[in-house]
Amino acid sequence: MISRTKEKLLLLSPILIFFFGLMIFPTIYGWYLSLNRVFLHTFEFPVFIGLTNFMSVIRDPRFHSALAFTARFAIITTIAQLAIGMGLAVLFNRDIPGKRIFTSLLLLPMMVSPALIGVMYRLLLNEFIGPLSYYTGLNLLGMRYVVGTIMVIDILQWSPFAFLILYAALQTIPKSYYEAASIEGASRWQSFLYVTLPSIRAFIIMVLVLRGIDAFKTFDMINVLTAGGPGTATTTVSIYIYKMAFQTGNIGRATAASLLLLIIFSVPLAFALKRARKEEAE
């Protein structure tokens, strides 16, 4: 006869094995690699060097540049997506003709793979054959415009995500709140500030956290579109790590950069989650 405790452990064992295989073991092995001198061609013969890889990454100006660009990219795109998503959610939170059709069309961009988005815009923005470059007369992937271009592309693709979350959040607000505000003489703008925003604050934090994390680790769209160029103008931390691992071949240093990114992520993420729990409790 199997005891209740053993039965629970037996039932949990598949997910525990899965969690260990995909989370615990790679993390431990990642720390091991980061503390050793490991290259692609010497992968089987690591040499322990302590924190040298971490110090090399911290001193690398390319890492500083990639980190600064990634932070700027994540902050601007996340705030823009939140603003556009909020505007669309408020607009569609009423009876308008063709609402279902327009809602479905709005969600299409985020259904497309970011890598495919990169390929599509690479053709559209090509300096020689791209129709957008031809009609605008601008090289939108040149040094002058490339940063703004990739930000606009990311905003266009992921604003529907913010819209979806916030639109669902608006559906949870009782209409009686707005009726009470109207009786008190509140304008639409005052109702939005003092009724809508406080009621969906937890959802706003959710959008900021989810989109901020995803924007900070963005890789595929930018890598396909510009490969981090021109020069290092659009090199994100993820692209820096990829190039360090598979072009330079320095697996140890690339792993150290990944772990530094994880540590950098942990502080704002812990703050955001704490804030979200506080909002939920209130």
C-alpha atoms as a PDB file:
ATOM      1  CA  MET A   1       0.000   0.000   0.000  1.00  0.00           C
ATOM      2  CA  ILE A   2       1.552   3.323  -1.103  1.00  0.00           C
ATOM      3  CA  SER A   3       1.366   6.105   1.495  1.00  0.00           C
ATOM      4  CA  ARG A   4      -0.255   9.451   0.608  1.00  0.00           C
ATOM      5  CA  THR A   5       3.105  11.249   0.663  1.00  0.00           C
ATOM      6  CA  LYS A   6       4.736   8.751  -1.696  1.00  0.00           C
ATOM      7  CA  GLU A   7       1.678   8.863  -3.946  1.00  0.00           C
ATOM      8  CA  LYS A   8       1.909  12.665  -4.188  1.00  0.00           C
ATOM      9  CA  LEU A   9       5.631  12.487  -4.971  1.00  0.00           C
ATOM     10  CA  LEU A  10       4.983   9.820  -7.589  1.00  0.00           C
ATOM     11  CA  LEU A  11       2.339  11.949  -9.284  1.00  0.00           C
ATOM     12  CA  LEU A  12       4.578  15.026  -9.129  1.00  0.00           C
ATOM     13  CA  SER A  13       7.686  13.228 -10.390  1.00  0.00           C
ATOM     14  CA  PRO A  14       7.094  13.867 -14.153  1.00  0.00           C
ATOM     15  CA  ILE A  15       6.803  17.645 -13.715  1.00  0.00           C
ATOM     16  CA  LEU A  16       9.715  17.668 -11.239  1.00  0.00           C
ATOM     17  CA  ILE A  17      11.918  15.803 -13.732  1.00  0.00           C
ATOM     18  CA  PHE A  18      10.789  18.147 -16.495  1.00  0.00           C
ATOM     19  CA  PHE A  19      11.500  21.212 -14.313  1.00  0.00           C
ATOM     20  CA  PHE A  20      14.944  19.895 -13.332  1.00  0.00           C
ATOM     21  CA  GLY A  21      15.827  19.071 -16.939  1.00  0.00           C
ATOM     22  CA  LEU A  22      14.775  22.452 -18.350  1.00  0.00           C
ATOM     23  CA  MET A  23      15.520  24.838 -15.466  1.00  0.00           C
ATOM     24  CA  ILE A  24      17.714  23.556 -12.635  1.00  0.00           C
ATOM     25  CA  PHE A  25      20.340  21.573 -14.564  1.00  0.00           C
ATOM     26  CA  PRO A  26      20.884  24.211 -17.337  1.00  0.00           C
ATOM     27  CA  THR A  27      21.275  26.929 -14.667  1.00  0.00           C
ATOM     28  CA  ILE A  28      23.833  24.920 -12.674  1.00  0.00           C
ATOM     29  CA  TYR A  29      25.685  23.936 -15.854  1.00  0.00           C
ATOM     30  CA  GLY A  30      25.597  27.562 -17.012  1.00  0.00           C
ATOM     31  CA  TRP A  31      27.333  28.698 -13.822  1.00  0.00           C
ATOM     32  CA  TYR A  32      29.894  25.922 -14.331  1.00  0.00           C
ATOM     33  CA  LEU A  33      30.646  27.073 -17.893  1.00  0.00           C
ATOM     34  CA  SER A  34      30.832  30.728 -16.860  1.00  0.00           C
ATOM     35  CA  LEU A  35      33.605  29.923 -14.362  1.00  0.00           C
ATOM     36  CA  ASN A  36      35.711  28.149 -16.986  1.00  0.00           C
ATOM     37  CA  ARG A  37      37.577  29.052 -20.169  1.00  0.00           C
ATOM     38  CA  VAL A  38      35.452  27.192 -22.733  1.00  0.00           C
ATOM     39  CA  PHE A  39      35.523  27.603 -26.512  1.00  0.00           C
ATOM     40  CA  LEU A  40      33.586  25.719 -29.172  1.00  0.00           C
ATOM     41  CA  HIS A  41      36.740  23.908 -30.287  1.00  0.00           C
ATOM     42  CA  THR A  42      37.826  23.121 -26.690  1.00  0.00           C
ATOM     43  CA  PHE A  43      34.423  22.371 -25.228  1.00  0.00           C
ATOM     44  CA  GLU A  44      35.526  19.025 -23.773  1.00  0.00           C
ATOM     45  CA  PHE A  45      38.562  20.544 -22.017  1.00  0.00           C
ATOM     46  CA  PRO A  46      37.381  23.436 -19.815  1.00  0.00           C
ATOM     47  CA  VAL A  47      39.927  25.345 -17.708  1.00  0.00           C
ATOM     48  CA  PHE A  48      38.806  26.880 -14.408  1.00  0.00           C
ATOM     49  CA  ILE A  49      39.413  30.662 -14.345  1.00  0.00           C
ATOM     50  CA  GLY A  50      37.024  31.842 -11.625  1.00  0.00           C
ATOM     51  CA  LEU A  51      35.284  35.167 -12.236  1.00  0.00           C
ATOM     52  CA  THR A  52      37.504  36.159 -15.188  1.00  0.00           C
ATOM     53  CA  ASN A  53      34.683  35.749 -17.730  1.00  0.00           C
ATOM     54  CA  PHE A  54      32.381  37.985 -15.683  1.00  0.00           C
ATOM     55  CA  MET A  55      35.056  40.668 -15.326  1.00  0.00           C
ATOM     56  CA  SER A  56      35.801  40.513 -19.067  1.00  0.00           C
ATOM     57  CA  VAL A  57      32.126  41.017 -19.917  1.00  0.00           C
ATOM     58  CA  ILE A  58      31.733  43.875 -17.409  1.00  0.00           C
ATOM     59  CA  ARG A  59      34.795  45.635 -18.884  1.00  0.00           C
ATOM     60  CA  ASP A  60      33.718  45.055 -22.507  1.00  0.00           C
ATOM     61  CA  PRO A  61      32.480  48.345 -24.077  1.00  0.00           C
ATOM     62  CA  ARG A  62      30.468  46.302 -26.599  1.00  0.00           C
ATOM     63  CA  PHE A  63      28.467  44.825 -23.714  1.00  0.00           C
ATOM     64  CA  HIS A  64      27.872  48.325 -22.282  1.00  0.00           C
ATOM     65  CA  SER A  65      26.676  49.529 -25.692  1.00  0.00           C
ATOM     66  CA  ALA A  66      24.396  46.505 -26.171  1.00  0.00           C
ATOM     67  CA  LEU A  67      22.970  46.870 -22.671  1.00  0.00           C
ATOM     68  CA  ALA A  68      22.292  50.596 -23.127  1.00  0.00           C
ATOM     69  CA  PHE A  69      20.601  50.054 -26.493  1.00  0.00           C
ATOM     70  CA  THR A  70      18.534  47.140 -25.141  1.00  0.00           C
ATOM     71  CA  ALA A  71      17.346  49.187 -22.145  1.00  0.00           C
ATOM     72  CA  ARG A  72      16.424  52.140 -24.382  1.00  0.00           C
ATOM     73  CA  PHE A  73      14.660  49.843 -26.848  1.00  0.00           C
ATOM     74  CA  ALA A  74      12.723  48.038 -24.100  1.00  0.00           C
ATOM     75  CA  ILE A  75      11.623  51.209 -22.280  1.00  0.00           C
ATOM     76  CA  ILE A  76      10.482  53.117 -25.381  1.00  0.00           C
ATOM     77  CA  THR A  77       8.686  50.215 -27.081  1.00  0.00           C
ATOM     78  CA  THR A  78       6.998  49.003 -23.895  1.00  0.00           C
ATOM     79  CA  ILE A  79       5.644  52.449 -22.990  1.00  0.00           C
ATOM     80  CA  ALA A  80       4.505  53.065 -26.580  1.00  0.00           C
ATOM     81  CA  GLN A  81       2.779  49.672 -26.744  1.00  0.00           C
ATOM     82  CA  LEU A  82       1.033  50.337 -23.434  1.00  0.00           C
ATOM     83  CA  ALA A  83      -0.178  53.759 -24.621  1.00  0.00           C
ATOM     84  CA  ILE A  84      -1.413  52.468 -27.999  1.00  0.00           C
ATOM     85  CA  GLY A  85      -2.968  49.368 -26.408  1.00  0.00           C
ATOM     86  CA  MET A  86      -4.762  51.510 -23.849  1.00  0.00           C
ATOM     87  CA  GLY A  87      -6.068  53.884 -26.501  1.00  0.00           C
ATOM     88  CA  LEU A  88      -7.365  51.023 -28.645  1.00  0.00           C
ATOM     89  CA  ALA A  89      -8.892  49.255 -25.625  1.00  0.00           C
ATOM     90  CA  VAL A  90     -10.794  52.382 -24.609  1.00  0.00           C
ATOM     91  CA  LEU A  91     -11.895  52.948 -28.216  1.00  0.00           C
ATOM     92  CA  PHE A  92     -13.206  49.394 -28.626  1.00  0.00           C
ATOM     93  CA  ASN A  93     -14.815  49.303 -25.189  1.00  0.00           C
ATOM     94  CA  ARG A  94     -18.039  50.628 -26.694  1.00  0.00           C
ATOM     95  CA  ASP A  95     -20.507  49.664 -29.382  1.00  0.00           C
ATOM     96  CA  ILE A  96     -19.023  50.518 -32.778  1.00  0.00           C
ATOM     97  CA  PRO A  97     -19.878  49.071 -36.221  1.00  0.00           C
ATOM     98  CA  GLY A  98     -17.644  46.172 -37.312  1.00  0.00           C
ATOM     99  CA  LYS A  99     -16.127  45.825 -33.856  1.00  0.00           C
ATOM    100  CA  ARG A 100     -15.497  42.064 -34.095  1.00  0.00           C
ATOM    101  CA  ILE A 101     -13.878  42.304 -37.529  1.00  0.00           C
ATOM    102  CA  PHE A 102     -11.575  45.157 -36.534  1.00  0.00           C
ATOM    103  CA  THR A 103     -10.630  43.361 -33.299  1.00  0.00           C
ATOM    104  CA  SER A 104      -9.662  40.244 -35.244  1.00  0.00           C
ATOM    105  CA  LEU A 105      -7.588  42.286 -37.699  1.00  0.00           C
ATOM    106  CA  LEU A 106      -5.815  44.084 -34.855  1.00  0.00           C
ATOM    107  CA  LEU A 107      -4.636  40.790 -33.386  1.00  0.00           C
ATOM    108  CA  LEU A 108      -3.106  39.508 -36.636  1.00  0.00           C
ATOM    109  CA  PRO A 109       0.384  41.106 -36.297  1.00  0.00           C
ATOM    110  CA  MET A 110       1.214  39.353 -33.036  1.00  0.00           C
ATOM    111  CA  MET A 111       0.257  35.995 -34.579  1.00  0.00           C
ATOM    112  CA  VAL A 112       3.182  36.261 -37.013  1.00  0.00           C
ATOM    113  CA  SER A 113       6.602  34.941 -36.012  1.00  0.00           C
ATOM    114  CA  PRO A 114       9.067  37.787 -35.200  1.00  0.00           C
ATOM    115  CA  ALA A 115      11.629  36.148 -37.512  1.00  0.00           C
ATOM    116  CA  LEU A 116       9.095  36.218 -40.354  1.00  0.00           C
ATOM    117  CA  ILE A 117       8.317  39.852 -39.533  1.00  0.00           C
ATOM    118  CA  GLY A 118      12.047  40.527 -39.868  1.00  0.00           C
ATOM    119  CA  VAL A 119      12.190  38.852 -43.291  1.00  0.00           C
ATOM    120  CA  MET A 120       9.108  40.740 -44.483  1.00  0.00           C
ATOM    121  CA  TYR A 121      10.417  44.156 -43.450  1.00  0.00           C
ATOM    122  CA  ARG A 122      13.878  43.335 -44.746  1.00  0.00           C
ATOM    123  CA  LEU A 123      12.327  43.050 -48.199  1.00  0.00           C
ATOM    124  CA  LEU A 124      10.028  46.062 -47.774  1.00  0.00           C
ATOM    125  CA  LEU A 125      12.854  48.286 -46.498  1.00  0.00           C
ATOM    126  CA  ASN A 126      15.629  47.079 -48.778  1.00  0.00           C
ATOM    127  CA  GLU A 127      17.647  50.079 -49.978  1.00  0.00           C
ATOM    128  CA  PHE A 128      17.542  48.980 -53.649  1.00  0.00           C
ATOM    129  CA  ILE A 129      14.347  46.958 -54.171  1.00  0.00           C
ATOM    130  CA  GLY A 130      12.184  47.804 -51.152  1.00  0.00           C
ATOM    131  CA  PRO A 131       8.932  49.614 -52.001  1.00  0.00           C
ATOM    132  CA  LEU A 132       8.979  51.647 -48.757  1.00  0.00           C
ATOM    133  CA  SER A 133      12.516  52.875 -49.424  1.00  0.00           C
ATOM    134  CA  TYR A 134      11.573  53.641 -53.045  1.00  0.00           C
ATOM    135  CA  TYR A 135       8.473  55.726 -52.232  1.00  0.00           C
ATOM    136  CA  THR A 136       9.938  57.543 -49.213  1.00  0.00           C
ATOM    137  CA  GLY A 137      13.347  58.092 -50.790  1.00  0.00           C
ATOM    138  CA  LEU A 138      14.938  57.125 -47.466  1.00  0.00           C
ATOM    139  CA  ASN A 139      17.194  54.270 -46.473  1.00  0.00           C
ATOM    140  CA  LEU A 140      15.232  53.298 -43.383  1.00  0.00           C
ATOM    141  CA  LEU A 141      17.787  50.642 -42.432  1.00  0.00           C
ATOM    142  CA  GLY A 142      20.664  53.128 -42.641  1.00  0.00           C
ATOM    143  CA  MET A 143      22.474  54.457 -39.581  1.00  0.00           C
ATOM    144  CA  ARG A 144      20.235  57.528 -39.317  1.00  0.00           C
ATOM    145  CA  TYR A 145      16.852  55.775 -39.204  1.00  0.00           C
ATOM    146  CA  VAL A 146      17.488  52.131 -38.281  1.00  0.00           C
ATOM    147  CA  VAL A 147      16.908  52.424 -34.517  1.00  0.00           C
ATOM    148  CA  GLY A 148      13.590  54.232 -34.962  1.00  0.00           C
ATOM    149  CA  THR A 149      12.591  51.780 -37.691  1.00  0.00           C
ATOM    150  CA  ILE A 150      13.035  48.631 -35.591  1.00  0.00           C
ATOM    151  CA  MET A 151      11.261  50.292 -32.663  1.00  0.00           C
ATOM    152  CA  VAL A 152       8.266  51.142 -34.868  1.00  0.00           C
ATOM    153  CA  ILE A 153       8.180  47.565 -36.220  1.00  0.00           C
ATOM    154  CA  ASP A 154       8.219  46.105 -32.696  1.00  0.00           C
ATOM    155  CA  ILE A 155       5.522  48.541 -31.554  1.00  0.00           C
ATOM    156  CA  LEU A 156       3.295  47.656 -34.518  1.00  0.00           C
ATOM    157  CA  GLN A 157       3.670  43.939 -33.855  1.00  0.00           C
ATOM    158  CA  TRP A 158       3.136  43.890 -30.088  1.00  0.00           C
ATOM    159  CA  SER A 159       0.700  46.744 -29.389  1.00  0.00           C
ATOM    160  CA  PRO A 160      -2.157  44.257 -30.043  1.00  0.00           C
ATOM    161  CA  PHE A 161      -0.905  42.221 -27.068  1.00  0.00           C
ATOM    162  CA  ALA A 162      -1.288  45.219 -24.768  1.00  0.00           C
ATOM    163  CA  PHE A 163      -4.676  45.941 -26.364  1.00  0.00           C
ATOM    164  CA  LEU A 164      -5.878  42.369 -25.716  1.00  0.00           C
ATOM    165  CA  ILE A 165      -4.934  42.430 -22.009  1.00  0.00           C
ATOM    166  CA  LEU A 166      -6.279  45.921 -21.357  1.00  0.00           C
ATOM    167  CA  TYR A 167      -9.476  45.379 -23.346  1.00  0.00           C
ATOM    168  CA  ALA A 168     -10.201  42.296 -21.237  1.00  0.00           C
ATOM    169  CA  ALA A 169      -9.412  44.336 -18.113  1.00  0.00           C
ATOM    170  CA  LEU A 170     -11.907  47.052 -19.079  1.00  0.00           C
ATOM    171  CA  GLN A 171     -14.634  44.426 -19.318  1.00  0.00           C
ATOM    172  CA  THR A 172     -14.206  43.708 -15.592  1.00  0.00           C
ATOM    173  CA  ILE A 173     -15.092  47.269 -14.498  1.00  0.00           C
ATOM    174  CA  PRO A 174     -18.772  47.494 -13.408  1.00  0.00           C
ATOM    175  CA  LYS A 175     -20.756  50.126 -15.320  1.00  0.00           C
ATOM    176  CA  SER A 176     -22.133  51.338 -12.001  1.00  0.00           C
ATOM    177  CA  TYR A 177     -18.724  52.928 -11.280  1.00  0.00           C
ATOM    178  CA  TYR A 178     -19.052  55.159 -14.340  1.00  0.00           C
ATOM    179  CA  GLU A 179     -22.697  55.926 -13.557  1.00  0.00           C
ATOM    180  CA  ALA A 180     -21.748  57.028 -10.047  1.00  0.00           C
ATOM    181  CA  ALA A 181     -18.904  59.178 -11.426  1.00  0.00           C
ATOM    182  CA  SER A 182     -21.287  60.742 -13.956  1.00  0.00           C
ATOM    183  CA  ILE A 183     -23.797  61.589 -11.220  1.00  0.00           C
ATOM    184  CA  GLU A 184     -20.984  63.288  -9.292  1.00  0.00           C
ATOM    185  CA  GLY A 185     -20.318  65.449 -12.362  1.00  0.00           C
ATOM    186  CA  ALA A 186     -17.071  63.782 -13.504  1.00  0.00           C
ATOM    187  CA  SER A 187     -16.029  64.334 -17.115  1.00  0.00           C
ATOM    188  CA  ARG A 188     -14.892  61.453 -19.367  1.00  0.00           C
ATOM    189  CA  TRP A 189     -11.260  62.332 -18.722  1.00  0.00           C
ATOM    190  CA  GLN A 190     -11.827  62.402 -14.947  1.00  0.00           C
ATOM    191  CA  SER A 191     -13.657  59.070 -15.130  1.00  0.00           C
ATOM    192  CA  PHE A 192     -10.683  57.620 -17.004  1.00  0.00           C
ATOM    193  CA  LEU A 193      -8.163  58.978 -14.464  1.00  0.00           C
ATOM    194  CA  TYR A 194     -10.049  58.169 -11.262  1.00  0.00           C
ATOM    195  CA  VAL A 195     -12.163  55.137 -12.235  1.00  0.00           C
ATOM    196  CA  THR A 196     -10.591  53.304 -15.180  1.00  0.00           C
ATOM    197  CA  LEU A 197      -6.867  53.523 -14.349  1.00  0.00           C
ATOM    198  CA  PRO A 198      -7.131  52.545 -10.657  1.00  0.00           C
ATOM    199  CA  SER A 199      -9.419  49.635 -11.554  1.00  0.00           C
ATOM    200  CA  ILE A 200      -7.004  48.108 -14.076  1.00  0.00           C
ATOM    201  CA  ARG A 201      -3.705  49.061 -12.410  1.00  0.00           C
ATOM    202  CA  ALA A 202      -2.724  45.410 -11.862  1.00  0.00           C
ATOM    203  CA  PHE A 203      -3.302  44.670 -15.569  1.00  0.00           C
ATOM    204  CA  ILE A 204      -1.176  47.675 -16.566  1.00  0.00           C
ATOM    205  CA  ILE A 205       1.668  46.357 -14.412  1.00  0.00           C
ATOM    206  CA  MET A 206       1.209  42.946 -16.024  1.00  0.00           C
ATOM    207  CA  VAL A 207       1.566  44.440 -19.509  1.00  0.00           C
ATOM    208  CA  LEU A 208       4.638  46.434 -18.481  1.00  0.00           C
ATOM    209  CA  VAL A 209       6.316  43.381 -16.936  1.00  0.00           C
ATOM    210  CA  LEU A 210       5.527  40.907 -19.727  1.00  0.00           C
ATOM    211  CA  ARG A 211       6.309  43.260 -22.600  1.00  0.00           C
ATOM    212  CA  GLY A 212       9.327  44.736 -20.828  1.00  0.00           C
ATOM    213  CA  ILE A 213      10.892  41.312 -20.318  1.00  0.00           C
ATOM    214  CA  ASP A 214      10.143  40.238 -23.870  1.00  0.00           C
ATOM    215  CA  ALA A 215      11.497  43.499 -25.336  1.00  0.00           C
ATOM    216  CA  PHE A 216      14.650  43.278 -23.213  1.00  0.00           C
ATOM    217  CA  LYS A 217      15.482  39.825 -24.548  1.00  0.00           C
ATOM    218  CA  THR A 218      14.440  40.505 -28.142  1.00  0.00           C
ATOM    219  CA  PHE A 219      16.578  38.720 -30.691  1.00  0.00           C
ATOM    220  CA  ASP A 220      14.971  37.145 -33.740  1.00  0.00           C
ATOM    221  CA  MET A 221      13.347  40.134 -35.465  1.00  0.00           C
ATOM    222  CA  ILE A 222      16.400  42.389 -35.101  1.00  0.00           C
ATOM    223  CA  ASN A 223      18.870  39.613 -35.941  1.00  0.00           C
ATOM    224  CA  VAL A 224      17.044  38.781 -39.173  1.00  0.00           C
ATOM    225  CA  LEU A 225      16.486  42.437 -40.100  1.00  0.00           C
ATOM    226  CA  THR A 226      19.844  44.040 -39.300  1.00  0.00           C
ATOM    227  CA  ALA A 227      22.017  41.364 -37.568  1.00  0.00           C
ATOM    228  CA  GLY A 228      22.806  44.040 -34.972  1.00  0.00           C
ATOM    229  CA  GLY A 229      24.050  46.565 -37.535  1.00  0.00           C
ATOM    230  CA  PRO A 230      24.919  48.918 -39.066  1.00  0.00           C
ATOM    231  CA  GLY A 231      28.043  48.382 -36.984  1.00  0.00           C
ATOM    232  CA  THR A 232      26.700  47.755 -33.492  1.00  0.00           C
ATOM    233  CA  ALA A 233      23.853  50.300 -33.694  1.00  0.00           C
ATOM    234  CA  THR A 234      21.095  47.728 -33.093  1.00  0.00           C
ATOM    235  CA  THR A 235      23.022  45.076 -31.175  1.00  0.00           C
ATOM    236  CA  THR A 236      20.923  43.916 -28.229  1.00  0.00           C
ATOM    237  CA  VAL A 237      22.333  41.929 -25.311  1.00  0.00           C
ATOM    238  CA  SER A 238      20.855  38.751 -26.820  1.00  0.00           C
ATOM    239  CA  ILE A 239      22.628  39.377 -30.131  1.00  0.00           C
ATOM    240  CA  TYR A 240      25.846  40.189 -28.255  1.00  0.00           C
ATOM    241  CA  ILE A 241      25.611  36.836 -26.440  1.00  0.00           C
ATOM    242  CA  TYR A 242      24.817  34.991 -29.684  1.00  0.00           C
ATOM    243  CA  LYS A 243      27.807  36.501 -31.492  1.00  0.00           C
ATOM    244  CA  MET A 244      30.089  35.862 -28.521  1.00  0.00           C
ATOM    245  CA  ALA A 245      29.049  32.193 -28.417  1.00  0.00           C
ATOM    246  CA  PHE A 246      28.750  31.232 -32.086  1.00  0.00           C
ATOM    247  CA  GLN A 247      30.890  33.732 -34.004  1.00  0.00           C
ATOM    248  CA  THR A 248      33.706  34.312 -31.527  1.00  0.00           C
ATOM    249  CA  GLY A 249      33.253  30.810 -30.104  1.00  0.00           C
ATOM    250  CA  ASN A 250      33.757  31.931 -26.478  1.00  0.00           C
ATOM    251  CA  ILE A 251      31.110  29.841 -24.723  1.00  0.00           C
ATOM    252  CA  GLY A 252      32.326  30.670 -21.211  1.00  0.00           C
ATOM    253  CA  ARG A 253      32.140  34.432 -21.698  1.00  0.00           C
ATOM    254  CA  ALA A 254      28.778  34.196 -23.491  1.00  0.00           C
ATOM    255  CA  THR A 255      27.369  32.183 -20.579  1.00  0.00           C
ATOM    256  CA  ALA A 256      28.718  34.758 -18.119  1.00  0.00           C
ATOM    257  CA  ALA A 257      26.968  37.515 -20.096  1.00  0.00           C
ATOM    258  CA  SER A 258      23.721  35.501 -19.975  1.00  0.00           C
ATOM    259  CA  LEU A 259      23.955  35.150 -16.208  1.00  0.00           C
ATOM    260  CA  LEU A 260      24.706  38.849 -15.796  1.00  0.00           C
ATOM    261  CA  LEU A 261      21.585  39.573 -17.834  1.00  0.00           C
ATOM    262  CA  LEU A 262      19.622  37.260 -15.518  1.00  0.00           C
ATOM    263  CA  ILE A 263      20.934  39.130 -12.471  1.00  0.00           C
ATOM    264  CA  ILE A 264      20.090  42.508 -14.038  1.00  0.00           C
ATOM    265  CA  PHE A 265      16.577  41.246 -14.776  1.00  0.00           C
ATOM    266  CA  SER A 266      16.005  39.965 -11.249  1.00  0.00           C
ATOM    267  CA  VAL A 267      15.929  43.342  -9.463  1.00  0.00           C
ATOM    268  CA  PRO A 268      13.223  45.152 -11.503  1.00  0.00           C
ATOM    269  CA  LEU A 269      11.278  41.909 -11.948  1.00  0.00           C
ATOM    270  CA  ALA A 270      11.181  41.282  -8.186  1.00  0.00           C
ATOM    271  CA  PHE A 271      10.040  44.883  -7.623  1.00  0.00           C
ATOM    272  CA  ALA A 272       7.325  44.610 -10.295  1.00  0.00           C
ATOM    273  CA  LEU A 273       6.013  41.295  -8.923  1.00  0.00           C
ATOM    274  CA  LYS A 274       5.963  42.696  -5.387  1.00  0.00           C
ATOM    275  CA  ARG A 275       4.054  45.722  -6.648  1.00  0.00           C
ATOM    276  CA  ALA A 276       1.597  43.503  -8.548  1.00  0.00           C
ATOM    277  CA  ARG A 277       0.928  41.384  -5.428  1.00  0.00           C
ATOM    278  CA  LYS A 278       0.365  44.552  -3.412  1.00  0.00           C
ATOM    279  CA  GLU A 279      -2.114  45.859  -5.995  1.00  0.00           C
ATOM    280  CA  GLU A 280      -3.918  42.511  -6.030  1.00  0.00           C
ATOM    281  CA  ALA A 281      -4.160  42.478  -2.229  1.00  0.00           C
ATOM    282  CA  GLU A 282      -5.655  45.964  -2.201  1.00  0.00           C
END
